[in-house]
Amino acid sequence: MADTKSLSERRQAYWRDNIRIMAWLMAVWFIVSYGCGILLVEPLNKISLGGYKLGFWMAQQGSIYVFVILIFVYVRLMNQLDEKHGFAETEDTSTKPSETEPESKEDA
């Protein structure tokens, strides 16, 4: 797939997929932080979590935890997207540092 498309087409497809991923993750964060922390606080307060009402907990801690989890999800999805579009970072293990660097200053 990556070989048949030009670099410009791959970049456009990559950016389009990137925006789609960010939109979904931002929607999840919005629903959790605004929805659960403000709009649904009364029904959630009927549930207790660690001695605190769940609505209060979601407003104070839950949205932060979800945000951190979404960061890790974003990293994983972006690594998959890089591979899909041929932009993955590869480690060059063909040469060792000892082979390319002189052993002493006298060799240089």
Protein backbone atom coordinates (compact mmCIF):
# COMPACT_ATOMS: atom_id res chain seq x y z
CA MET A 1 0.00 0.00 0.00
CA ALA A 2 2.72 2.46 0.95
CA ASP A 3 4.72 1.70 -2.20
CA THR A 4 1.91 2.48 -4.65
CA LYS A 5 0.94 5.89 -3.21
CA SER A 6 2.98 9.04 -3.51
CA LEU A 7 4.42 10.68 -0.43
CA SER A 8 1.87 13.49 -0.64
CA GLU A 9 -1.05 11.05 -0.75
CA ARG A 10 0.35 9.10 2.20
CA ARG A 11 0.76 12.31 4.21
CA GLN A 12 -2.82 13.37 3.46
CA ALA A 13 -4.20 9.95 4.42
CA TYR A 14 -2.05 9.94 7.56
CA TRP A 15 -3.27 13.39 8.60
CA ARG A 16 -6.91 12.45 7.92
CA ASP A 17 -6.58 9.32 10.07
CA ASN A 18 -4.75 11.30 12.76
CA ILE A 19 -7.57 13.86 12.95
CA ARG A 20 -10.14 11.05 13.16
CA ILE A 21 -8.27 9.43 16.07
CA MET A 22 -7.91 12.74 17.91
CA ALA A 23 -11.60 13.55 17.42
CA TRP A 24 -12.69 10.22 18.90
CA LEU A 25 -10.33 10.52 21.86
CA MET A 26 -11.39 14.11 22.54
CA ALA A 27 -15.04 13.03 22.38
CA VAL A 28 -14.38 10.32 24.97
CA TRP A 29 -12.60 12.81 27.22
CA PHE A 30 -15.41 15.36 26.82
CA ILE A 31 -18.09 12.79 27.66
CA VAL A 32 -16.19 11.63 30.74
CA SER A 33 -15.17 15.04 32.05
CA TYR A 34 -18.21 17.14 31.15
CA GLY A 35 -20.87 14.46 30.94
CA CYS A 36 -19.98 12.40 34.00
CA GLY A 37 -18.59 15.28 36.03
CA ILE A 38 -21.36 17.82 35.43
CA LEU A 39 -24.38 16.57 33.48
CA LEU A 40 -24.74 13.10 35.02
CA VAL A 41 -23.48 13.99 38.50
CA GLU A 42 -26.82 13.39 40.26
CA PRO A 43 -27.41 9.82 38.98
CA LEU A 44 -23.72 8.98 39.53
CA ASN A 45 -23.82 10.29 43.10
CA LYS A 46 -26.12 7.40 43.97
CA ILE A 47 -23.10 5.12 43.49
CA SER A 48 -20.28 5.16 46.03
CA LEU A 49 -16.62 4.63 45.14
CA GLY A 50 -14.12 4.40 47.97
CA GLY A 51 -16.46 6.25 50.32
CA TYR A 52 -17.03 9.11 47.87
CA LYS A 53 -19.97 9.73 45.59
CA LEU A 54 -19.09 8.65 42.04
CA GLY A 55 -20.24 11.94 40.49
CA PHE A 56 -17.91 13.89 42.78
CA TRP A 57 -15.08 11.43 42.17
CA MET A 58 -15.49 11.65 38.38
CA ALA A 59 -15.40 15.45 38.52
CA GLN A 60 -12.30 15.51 40.75
CA GLN A 61 -10.24 12.44 39.79
CA GLY A 62 -11.92 10.28 37.17
CA SER A 63 -11.54 12.65 34.24
CA ILE A 64 -7.84 13.05 35.02
CA TYR A 65 -7.33 9.28 35.09
CA VAL A 66 -9.23 8.91 31.83
CA PHE A 67 -7.07 11.63 30.26
CA VAL A 68 -3.86 9.82 31.24
CA ILE A 69 -5.22 6.54 29.89
CA LEU A 70 -6.17 8.30 26.64
CA ILE A 71 -2.57 9.50 26.28
CA PHE A 72 -1.35 5.89 26.29
CA VAL A 73 -4.13 4.87 23.89
CA TYR A 74 -3.13 7.74 21.57
CA VAL A 75 0.51 6.65 21.58
CA ARG A 76 -0.43 3.09 20.71
CA LEU A 77 -2.84 4.17 17.96
CA MET A 78 -0.30 6.58 16.48
CA ASN A 79 2.39 3.88 16.38
CA GLN A 80 -0.06 1.65 14.50
CA LEU A 81 -0.93 4.54 12.18
CA ASP A 82 2.77 5.20 11.51
CA GLU A 83 3.24 1.59 10.46
CA LYS A 84 0.08 1.60 8.34
CA HIS A 85 1.22 4.62 6.30
CA GLY A 86 4.92 3.76 6.18
CA PHE A 87 6.17 6.43 8.58
CA ALA A 88 7.26 4.11 11.40
CA GLU A 89 10.57 4.82 13.06
CA THR A 90 13.03 1.99 12.67
CA GLU A 91 16.17 1.36 14.65
CA ASP A 92 19.29 0.88 12.56
CA THR A 93 21.11 -2.00 14.23
CA SER A 94 23.30 -2.83 11.24
CA THR A 95 26.34 -0.95 12.59
CA LYS A 96 27.57 -0.98 16.15
CA PRO A 97 29.06 2.17 17.70
CA SER A 98 32.39 0.38 18.18
CA GLU A 99 32.64 -0.24 14.43
CA THR A 100 32.12 3.41 13.47
CA GLU A 101 33.90 5.24 16.25
CA PRO A 102 37.69 5.16 16.68
CA GLU A 103 38.88 3.39 19.82
CA SER A 104 41.31 6.11 20.78
CA LYS A 105 42.21 9.65 19.80
CA GLU A 106 45.35 8.40 18.09
CA ASP A 107 43.27 6.42 15.57
CA ALA A 108 41.27 9.51 14.59
